[in-house]
């Protein structure tokens, strides 16, 4: 029987929105709290949905998706 060594890696969170990579602003914050904090800069995030996480290398990437809707 062949043994394989397992290596544990620390995964870091990051966030994606509209083609931008947004860093995690606080590991102790929930994903929704991060979204609410970023909504000060990007108000449309207040109604955005969160997809993920998707594993990219050693990162867990959550994607903020704007809600579809009519303006006006």
C-alpha atoms as a PDB file:
ATOM      1  CA  UNK A   1       0.000   0.000   0.000  1.00  0.00           C
ATOM      2  CA  UNK A   2       1.333   3.420  -0.953  1.00  0.00           C
ATOM      3  CA  UNK A   3       1.025   6.289   1.506  1.00  0.00           C
ATOM      4  CA  UNK A   4       0.407   9.848   0.426  1.00  0.00           C
ATOM      5  CA  UNK A   5       1.289  12.854   2.502  1.00  0.00           C
ATOM      6  CA  UNK A   6      -1.482  15.364   3.019  1.00  0.00           C
ATOM      7  CA  UNK A   7      -0.589  19.007   3.243  1.00  0.00           C
ATOM      8  CA  UNK A   8      -3.043  21.367   4.862  1.00  0.00           C
ATOM      9  CA  UNK A   9      -3.196  24.810   3.292  1.00  0.00           C
ATOM     10  CA  UNK A  10      -4.766  27.915   4.746  1.00  0.00           C
ATOM     11  CA  UNK A  11      -7.474  29.206   2.410  1.00  0.00           C
ATOM     12  CA  UNK A  12      -8.026  32.954   2.264  1.00  0.00           C
ATOM     13  CA  UNK A  13     -11.276  34.621   1.261  1.00  0.00           C
ATOM     14  CA  UNK A  14     -11.599  37.187  -1.442  1.00  0.00           C
ATOM     15  CA  UNK A  15     -14.532  38.748  -3.181  1.00  0.00           C
ATOM     16  CA  UNK A  16     -15.248  39.513  -6.823  1.00  0.00           C
ATOM     17  CA  UNK A  17     -17.549  42.167  -8.154  1.00  0.00           C
ATOM     18  CA  UNK A  18     -17.938  43.537 -11.679  1.00  0.00           C
ATOM     19  CA  UNK A  19     -14.496  42.307 -12.790  1.00  0.00           C
ATOM     20  CA  UNK A  20     -12.748  43.584  -9.657  1.00  0.00           C
ATOM     21  CA  UNK A  21     -11.038  41.553  -6.930  1.00  0.00           C
ATOM     22  CA  UNK A  22     -11.967  42.896  -3.514  1.00  0.00           C
ATOM     23  CA  UNK A  23      -9.853  41.838  -0.532  1.00  0.00           C
ATOM     24  CA  UNK A  24     -11.355  40.363   2.605  1.00  0.00           C
ATOM     25  CA  UNK A  25     -11.774  43.253   5.038  1.00  0.00           C
ATOM     26  CA  UNK A  26     -12.113  41.062   8.100  1.00  0.00           C
ATOM     27  CA  UNK A  27     -11.853  37.318   8.576  1.00  0.00           C
ATOM     28  CA  UNK A  28     -14.197  37.619  11.559  1.00  0.00           C
ATOM     29  CA  UNK A  29     -16.955  39.132   9.415  1.00  0.00           C
ATOM     30  CA  UNK A  30     -19.601  37.062   7.693  1.00  0.00           C
ATOM     31  CA  UNK A  31     -19.885  37.240   3.908  1.00  0.00           C
ATOM     32  CA  UNK A  32     -23.038  39.359   4.295  1.00  0.00           C
ATOM     33  CA  UNK A  33     -21.227  41.759   6.637  1.00  0.00           C
ATOM     34  CA  UNK A  34     -18.432  42.153   4.079  1.00  0.00           C
ATOM     35  CA  UNK A  35     -21.045  42.811   1.359  1.00  0.00           C
ATOM     36  CA  UNK A  36     -22.753  45.432   3.542  1.00  0.00           C
ATOM     37  CA  UNK A  37     -19.421  47.138   4.282  1.00  0.00           C
ATOM     38  CA  UNK A  38     -18.474  47.298   0.597  1.00  0.00           C
ATOM     39  CA  UNK A  39     -21.929  48.733  -0.172  1.00  0.00           C
ATOM     40  CA  UNK A  40     -20.682  52.070   1.205  1.00  0.00           C
ATOM     41  CA  UNK A  41     -18.502  52.253  -1.916  1.00  0.00           C
ATOM     42  CA  UNK A  42     -20.731  50.201  -4.228  1.00  0.00           C
ATOM     43  CA  UNK A  43     -24.364  50.899  -3.171  1.00  0.00           C
ATOM     44  CA  UNK A  44     -25.734  48.376  -5.658  1.00  0.00           C
ATOM     45  CA  UNK A  45     -24.289  45.618  -3.464  1.00  0.00           C
ATOM     46  CA  UNK A  46     -27.136  46.167  -0.989  1.00  0.00           C
ATOM     47  CA  UNK A  47     -29.383  44.142  -3.300  1.00  0.00           C
ATOM     48  CA  UNK A  48     -26.684  41.865  -4.740  1.00  0.00           C
ATOM     49  CA  UNK A  49     -26.679  38.131  -4.294  1.00  0.00           C
ATOM     50  CA  UNK A  50     -23.619  36.152  -3.252  1.00  0.00           C
ATOM     51  CA  UNK A  51     -22.385  33.154  -5.218  1.00  0.00           C
ATOM     52  CA  UNK A  52     -19.697  30.748  -4.137  1.00  0.00           C
ATOM     53  CA  UNK A  53     -17.256  30.180  -2.774  1.00  0.00           C
ATOM     54  CA  UNK A  54     -15.249  29.013  -5.769  1.00  0.00           C
ATOM     55  CA  UNK A  55     -11.789  27.624  -5.087  1.00  0.00           C
ATOM     56  CA  UNK A  56      -9.062  29.447  -7.036  1.00  0.00           C
ATOM     57  CA  UNK A  57      -5.620  28.314  -5.949  1.00  0.00           C
ATOM     58  CA  UNK A  58      -5.476  28.933  -2.206  1.00  0.00           C
ATOM     59  CA  UNK A  59      -8.405  31.378  -2.224  1.00  0.00           C
ATOM     60  CA  UNK A  60     -12.112  30.981  -1.620  1.00  0.00           C
ATOM     61  CA  UNK A  61     -13.690  33.506  -3.966  1.00  0.00           C
ATOM     62  CA  UNK A  62     -17.203  34.779  -3.331  1.00  0.00           C
ATOM     63  CA  UNK A  63     -18.842  36.662  -6.202  1.00  0.00           C
ATOM     64  CA  UNK A  64     -21.290  39.504  -5.693  1.00  0.00           C
ATOM     65  CA  UNK A  65     -23.907  39.520  -8.463  1.00  0.00           C
ATOM     66  CA  UNK A  66     -26.097  42.553  -9.025  1.00  0.00           C
ATOM     67  CA  UNK A  67     -29.788  41.807  -8.922  1.00  0.00           C
ATOM     68  CA  UNK A  68     -31.450  42.116 -12.297  1.00  0.00           C
ATOM     69  CA  UNK A  69     -34.217  44.680 -12.428  1.00  0.00           C
ATOM     70  CA  UNK A  70     -35.603  47.627 -14.268  1.00  0.00           C
ATOM     71  CA  UNK A  71     -34.448  51.106 -13.445  1.00  0.00           C
ATOM     72  CA  UNK A  72     -36.904  53.882 -12.989  1.00  0.00           C
END
